[in-house]
């Protein structure tokens, strides 16, 4: 979950407008770009920690001292990634800890995300425990949408349905062999 549901992008982009507590503008204006001691921190925040270069790790450690709320948002994002990487009861315990921390963090994007997760908590916990995902259903839906676009010029829906069954139905149709030209 590289984007942590898109929350860190909201936190990073909104860093300059959140208030006086946030001193770091992640997207400085062109004239200020040379003076900005934290240029490049945005990319370090958006990358997975295991993919960071040494320079980006340095930026994040400096960022922790300069901008506490942005650093706290990054830690929340990483803990949420860990929740979904850790399955079973341990993942459920981490989710409960994350929800408590996100509710108290006073970063609006994470407070809203915590409320959304609380609304769907039962299903999320079931996913963590039973390792069930709707990924295959989503993939099938996307393939059907693609086939619908391809079948746009067909005269009937029967042709689209036949195309879906042919592509996704697991049918192995043997075509007659071409006669040899030799």
C-alpha atoms as a PDB file:
ATOM      1  CA  UNK A   1       0.000   0.000   0.000  1.00  0.00           C
ATOM      2  CA  UNK A   2       2.328   2.610  -1.267  1.00  0.00           C
ATOM      3  CA  UNK A   3      -0.064   5.511  -1.048  1.00  0.00           C
ATOM      4  CA  UNK A   4      -1.787   4.589   2.199  1.00  0.00           C
ATOM      5  CA  UNK A   5      -5.145   5.339   0.626  1.00  0.00           C
ATOM      6  CA  UNK A   6      -3.841   8.623  -0.780  1.00  0.00           C
ATOM      7  CA  UNK A   7      -3.657  10.253   2.642  1.00  0.00           C
ATOM      8  CA  UNK A   8       0.021  11.148   2.710  1.00  0.00           C
ATOM      9  CA  UNK A   9      -0.351  13.007  -0.586  1.00  0.00           C
ATOM     10  CA  UNK A  10      -3.095  15.124   1.025  1.00  0.00           C
ATOM     11  CA  UNK A  11      -0.915  15.749   4.070  1.00  0.00           C
ATOM     12  CA  UNK A  12       2.146  16.614   1.980  1.00  0.00           C
ATOM     13  CA  UNK A  13       0.266  18.896  -0.425  1.00  0.00           C
ATOM     14  CA  UNK A  14      -1.638  20.587   2.401  1.00  0.00           C
ATOM     15  CA  UNK A  15       1.440  21.122   4.548  1.00  0.00           C
ATOM     16  CA  UNK A  16       1.880  24.746   3.556  1.00  0.00           C
ATOM     17  CA  UNK A  17      -1.753  25.669   4.240  1.00  0.00           C
ATOM     18  CA  UNK A  18      -2.456  23.797   7.476  1.00  0.00           C
ATOM     19  CA  UNK A  19      -1.413  26.627   9.805  1.00  0.00           C
ATOM     20  CA  UNK A  20       1.461  28.053  11.789  1.00  0.00           C
ATOM     21  CA  UNK A  21       2.411  24.676  13.257  1.00  0.00           C
ATOM     22  CA  UNK A  22       3.582  23.511   9.838  1.00  0.00           C
ATOM     23  CA  UNK A  23       6.669  25.438   8.848  1.00  0.00           C
ATOM     24  CA  UNK A  24       7.776  23.358   5.906  1.00  0.00           C
ATOM     25  CA  UNK A  25       6.371  24.043   2.493  1.00  0.00           C
ATOM     26  CA  UNK A  26       7.009  20.876   0.556  1.00  0.00           C
ATOM     27  CA  UNK A  27       6.341  22.629  -2.752  1.00  0.00           C
ATOM     28  CA  UNK A  28       8.298  25.869  -2.420  1.00  0.00           C
ATOM     29  CA  UNK A  29       7.953  28.548  -5.054  1.00  0.00           C
ATOM     30  CA  UNK A  30      10.661  28.646  -7.710  1.00  0.00           C
ATOM     31  CA  UNK A  31      12.469  31.632  -6.196  1.00  0.00           C
ATOM     32  CA  UNK A  32      12.554  30.002  -2.787  1.00  0.00           C
ATOM     33  CA  UNK A  33      13.618  26.620  -4.157  1.00  0.00           C
ATOM     34  CA  UNK A  34      17.321  27.338  -3.689  1.00  0.00           C
ATOM     35  CA  UNK A  35      16.851  28.530  -0.115  1.00  0.00           C
ATOM     36  CA  UNK A  36      14.668  25.597   0.912  1.00  0.00           C
ATOM     37  CA  UNK A  37      16.610  23.225   3.136  1.00  0.00           C
ATOM     38  CA  UNK A  38      13.948  20.532   2.704  1.00  0.00           C
ATOM     39  CA  UNK A  39      13.697  20.389  -1.094  1.00  0.00           C
ATOM     40  CA  UNK A  40      13.186  16.819  -2.183  1.00  0.00           C
ATOM     41  CA  UNK A  41      11.427  15.827   1.022  1.00  0.00           C
ATOM     42  CA  UNK A  42       8.171  15.355  -0.870  1.00  0.00           C
ATOM     43  CA  UNK A  43       9.572  12.461  -2.891  1.00  0.00           C
ATOM     44  CA  UNK A  44      11.081  10.897   0.217  1.00  0.00           C
ATOM     45  CA  UNK A  45       7.688  11.058   1.922  1.00  0.00           C
ATOM     46  CA  UNK A  46       5.910   9.443  -1.011  1.00  0.00           C
ATOM     47  CA  UNK A  47       8.382   6.558  -1.390  1.00  0.00           C
ATOM     48  CA  UNK A  48       8.341   3.320   0.547  1.00  0.00           C
ATOM     49  CA  UNK A  49      10.999   3.342   3.310  1.00  0.00           C
ATOM     50  CA  UNK A  50      12.772   0.305   1.888  1.00  0.00           C
ATOM     51  CA  UNK A  51      13.289   2.180  -1.407  1.00  0.00           C
ATOM     52  CA  UNK A  52      14.790   5.353   0.107  1.00  0.00           C
ATOM     53  CA  UNK A  53      18.294   6.467  -0.754  1.00  0.00           C
ATOM     54  CA  UNK A  54      20.685   7.571   1.999  1.00  0.00           C
ATOM     55  CA  UNK A  55      20.107  11.216   1.091  1.00  0.00           C
ATOM     56  CA  UNK A  56      16.329  10.801   1.330  1.00  0.00           C
ATOM     57  CA  UNK A  57      16.677   9.100   4.719  1.00  0.00           C
ATOM     58  CA  UNK A  58      18.688  12.135   5.833  1.00  0.00           C
ATOM     59  CA  UNK A  59      15.925  14.441   4.595  1.00  0.00           C
ATOM     60  CA  UNK A  60      13.320  12.539   6.580  1.00  0.00           C
ATOM     61  CA  UNK A  61      15.370  12.668   9.764  1.00  0.00           C
ATOM     62  CA  UNK A  62      15.823  16.441   9.308  1.00  0.00           C
ATOM     63  CA  UNK A  63      12.130  16.768   8.560  1.00  0.00           C
ATOM     64  CA  UNK A  64      11.296  15.120  11.878  1.00  0.00           C
ATOM     65  CA  UNK A  65      13.014  17.934  13.745  1.00  0.00           C
ATOM     66  CA  UNK A  66      11.696  20.755  11.541  1.00  0.00           C
ATOM     67  CA  UNK A  67       8.076  19.752  10.986  1.00  0.00           C
ATOM     68  CA  UNK A  68       6.531  17.529  13.631  1.00  0.00           C
ATOM     69  CA  UNK A  69       3.007  17.222  12.117  1.00  0.00           C
ATOM     70  CA  UNK A  70       4.307  16.191   8.710  1.00  0.00           C
ATOM     71  CA  UNK A  71       6.665  13.714  10.314  1.00  0.00           C
ATOM     72  CA  UNK A  72       3.818  12.349  12.450  1.00  0.00           C
ATOM     73  CA  UNK A  73       1.739  11.911   9.278  1.00  0.00           C
ATOM     74  CA  UNK A  74       4.554   9.927   7.681  1.00  0.00           C
ATOM     75  CA  UNK A  75       4.768   7.671  10.734  1.00  0.00           C
ATOM     76  CA  UNK A  76       1.003   7.132  10.649  1.00  0.00           C
ATOM     77  CA  UNK A  77       1.214   6.186   6.963  1.00  0.00           C
ATOM     78  CA  UNK A  78       3.961   3.674   7.636  1.00  0.00           C
ATOM     79  CA  UNK A  79       2.114   2.140  10.577  1.00  0.00           C
ATOM     80  CA  UNK A  80      -0.981   1.705   8.391  1.00  0.00           C
ATOM     81  CA  UNK A  81       1.181  -0.045   5.772  1.00  0.00           C
ATOM     82  CA  UNK A  82       2.444  -2.318   8.538  1.00  0.00           C
ATOM     83  CA  UNK A  83      -1.137  -3.098   9.634  1.00  0.00           C
ATOM     84  CA  UNK A  84      -1.970  -4.464   6.184  1.00  0.00           C
ATOM     85  CA  UNK A  85       1.356  -6.248   5.837  1.00  0.00           C
ATOM     86  CA  UNK A  86       0.769  -7.998   9.186  1.00  0.00           C
ATOM     87  CA  UNK A  87      -2.112 -10.428   8.973  1.00  0.00           C
ATOM     88  CA  UNK A  88      -4.185 -12.219  11.596  1.00  0.00           C
ATOM     89  CA  UNK A  89      -4.828 -11.176  15.180  1.00  0.00           C
ATOM     90  CA  UNK A  90      -1.559  -9.229  15.294  1.00  0.00           C
ATOM     91  CA  UNK A  91      -2.785  -7.111  12.391  1.00  0.00           C
ATOM     92  CA  UNK A  92      -6.081  -6.452  14.216  1.00  0.00           C
ATOM     93  CA  UNK A  93      -4.191  -5.315  17.329  1.00  0.00           C
ATOM     94  CA  UNK A  94      -2.033  -2.987  15.230  1.00  0.00           C
ATOM     95  CA  UNK A  95      -5.174  -1.630  13.533  1.00  0.00           C
ATOM     96  CA  UNK A  96      -6.695  -0.795  16.927  1.00  0.00           C
ATOM     97  CA  UNK A  97      -3.500   1.017  17.969  1.00  0.00           C
ATOM     98  CA  UNK A  98      -3.407   2.871  14.652  1.00  0.00           C
ATOM     99  CA  UNK A  99      -7.043   3.959  15.002  1.00  0.00           C
ATOM    100  CA  UNK A 100      -6.419   5.314  18.491  1.00  0.00           C
ATOM    101  CA  UNK A 101      -3.324   7.212  17.360  1.00  0.00           C
ATOM    102  CA  UNK A 102      -4.960   8.552  14.179  1.00  0.00           C
ATOM    103  CA  UNK A 103      -7.952   9.819  16.148  1.00  0.00           C
ATOM    104  CA  UNK A 104      -5.684  11.797  18.495  1.00  0.00           C
ATOM    105  CA  UNK A 105      -3.207  13.092  15.888  1.00  0.00           C
ATOM    106  CA  UNK A 106      -5.167  16.278  14.960  1.00  0.00           C
ATOM    107  CA  UNK A 107      -4.259  15.909  11.269  1.00  0.00           C
ATOM    108  CA  UNK A 108      -7.627  16.231   9.491  1.00  0.00           C
ATOM    109  CA  UNK A 109      -6.840  13.757   6.690  1.00  0.00           C
ATOM    110  CA  UNK A 110      -5.934  11.012   9.164  1.00  0.00           C
ATOM    111  CA  UNK A 111      -8.862  11.781  11.472  1.00  0.00           C
ATOM    112  CA  UNK A 112     -11.212  11.421   8.483  1.00  0.00           C
ATOM    113  CA  UNK A 113      -9.486   8.216   7.378  1.00  0.00           C
ATOM    114  CA  UNK A 114      -9.785   6.789  10.898  1.00  0.00           C
ATOM    115  CA  UNK A 115     -13.526   7.555  10.877  1.00  0.00           C
ATOM    116  CA  UNK A 116     -13.912   5.792   7.508  1.00  0.00           C
ATOM    117  CA  UNK A 117     -11.973   2.777   8.749  1.00  0.00           C
ATOM    118  CA  UNK A 118     -14.134   2.640  11.895  1.00  0.00           C
ATOM    119  CA  UNK A 119     -17.265   2.556   9.701  1.00  0.00           C
ATOM    120  CA  UNK A 120     -15.870  -0.442   7.780  1.00  0.00           C
ATOM    121  CA  UNK A 121     -13.912  -1.946  10.663  1.00  0.00           C
ATOM    122  CA  UNK A 122     -15.741  -5.278  10.728  1.00  0.00           C
ATOM    123  CA  UNK A 123     -14.916  -6.021   7.084  1.00  0.00           C
ATOM    124  CA  UNK A 124     -11.312  -4.816   7.423  1.00  0.00           C
ATOM    125  CA  UNK A 125     -10.735  -7.014  10.470  1.00  0.00           C
ATOM    126  CA  UNK A 126     -12.271  -9.984   8.635  1.00  0.00           C
ATOM    127  CA  UNK A 127      -9.855  -9.334   5.768  1.00  0.00           C
ATOM    128  CA  UNK A 128      -6.889  -9.219   8.147  1.00  0.00           C
ATOM    129  CA  UNK A 129      -7.926 -12.456   9.892  1.00  0.00           C
ATOM    130  CA  UNK A 130      -9.162 -14.538   6.953  1.00  0.00           C
ATOM    131  CA  UNK A 131      -6.938 -13.059   4.203  1.00  0.00           C
ATOM    132  CA  UNK A 132      -9.880 -12.691   1.836  1.00  0.00           C
ATOM    133  CA  UNK A 133      -9.686 -10.028  -0.836  1.00  0.00           C
ATOM    134  CA  UNK A 134     -11.942  -8.758  -3.587  1.00  0.00           C
ATOM    135  CA  UNK A 135      -8.960  -8.237  -5.894  1.00  0.00           C
ATOM    136  CA  UNK A 136     -10.034 -10.932  -8.361  1.00  0.00           C
ATOM    137  CA  UNK A 137     -13.539  -9.511  -8.603  1.00  0.00           C
ATOM    138  CA  UNK A 138     -12.114  -6.045  -9.283  1.00  0.00           C
ATOM    139  CA  UNK A 139      -9.774  -7.449 -11.941  1.00  0.00           C
ATOM    140  CA  UNK A 140     -12.686  -9.237 -13.627  1.00  0.00           C
ATOM    141  CA  UNK A 141     -14.776  -6.052 -13.560  1.00  0.00           C
ATOM    142  CA  UNK A 142     -11.946  -4.104 -15.197  1.00  0.00           C
ATOM    143  CA  UNK A 143     -11.583  -6.733 -17.922  1.00  0.00           C
ATOM    144  CA  UNK A 144     -15.337  -6.617 -18.583  1.00  0.00           C
ATOM    145  CA  UNK A 145     -15.183  -2.813 -18.830  1.00  0.00           C
ATOM    146  CA  UNK A 146     -12.371  -3.139 -21.361  1.00  0.00           C
ATOM    147  CA  UNK A 147     -14.379  -5.658 -23.376  1.00  0.00           C
ATOM    148  CA  UNK A 148     -17.385  -3.302 -23.279  1.00  0.00           C
ATOM    149  CA  UNK A 149     -15.250  -0.583 -24.837  1.00  0.00           C
ATOM    150  CA  UNK A 150     -14.017  -3.012 -27.473  1.00  0.00           C
ATOM    151  CA  UNK A 151     -17.605  -4.160 -28.201  1.00  0.00           C
ATOM    152  CA  UNK A 152     -18.923  -0.620 -28.606  1.00  0.00           C
ATOM    153  CA  UNK A 153     -19.675  -1.108 -32.305  1.00  0.00           C
ATOM    154  CA  UNK A 154     -21.479  -4.431 -31.871  1.00  0.00           C
ATOM    155  CA  UNK A 155     -25.176  -4.477 -32.785  1.00  0.00           C
ATOM    156  CA  UNK A 156     -26.404  -6.487 -29.797  1.00  0.00           C
ATOM    157  CA  UNK A 157     -25.554  -7.210 -26.195  1.00  0.00           C
ATOM    158  CA  UNK A 158     -25.455 -10.910 -27.058  1.00  0.00           C
ATOM    159  CA  UNK A 159     -22.187 -10.289 -28.894  1.00  0.00           C
ATOM    160  CA  UNK A 160     -20.724  -8.565 -25.815  1.00  0.00           C
ATOM    161  CA  UNK A 161     -21.846 -11.436 -23.574  1.00  0.00           C
ATOM    162  CA  UNK A 162     -20.294 -13.944 -25.979  1.00  0.00           C
ATOM    163  CA  UNK A 163     -17.058 -11.935 -25.958  1.00  0.00           C
ATOM    164  CA  UNK A 164     -17.005 -11.911 -22.146  1.00  0.00           C
ATOM    165  CA  UNK A 165     -17.563 -15.670 -21.980  1.00  0.00           C
ATOM    166  CA  UNK A 166     -14.909 -16.239 -24.612  1.00  0.00           C
ATOM    167  CA  UNK A 167     -12.328 -14.086 -22.794  1.00  0.00           C
ATOM    168  CA  UNK A 168     -13.128 -14.816 -19.139  1.00  0.00           C
ATOM    169  CA  UNK A 169     -15.109 -18.049 -19.199  1.00  0.00           C
ATOM    170  CA  UNK A 170     -12.136 -20.358 -19.392  1.00  0.00           C
ATOM    171  CA  UNK A 171     -13.370 -21.893 -22.622  1.00  0.00           C
ATOM    172  CA  UNK A 172     -10.766 -23.560 -24.794  1.00  0.00           C
ATOM    173  CA  UNK A 173     -12.154 -23.529 -28.294  1.00  0.00           C
ATOM    174  CA  UNK A 174     -10.208 -25.529 -30.822  1.00  0.00           C
ATOM    175  CA  UNK A 175     -10.197 -23.812 -34.167  1.00  0.00           C
ATOM    176  CA  UNK A 176      -9.978 -25.897 -37.316  1.00  0.00           C
ATOM    177  CA  UNK A 177      -6.454 -26.231 -38.568  1.00  0.00           C
ATOM    178  CA  UNK A 178      -5.485 -24.427 -41.698  1.00  0.00           C
ATOM    179  CA  UNK A 179      -4.720 -26.634 -44.617  1.00  0.00           C
ATOM    180  CA  UNK A 180      -1.057 -26.876 -45.344  1.00  0.00           C
ATOM    181  CA  UNK A 181       0.148 -24.842 -48.265  1.00  0.00           C
ATOM    182  CA  UNK A 182       2.946 -27.174 -49.115  1.00  0.00           C
END
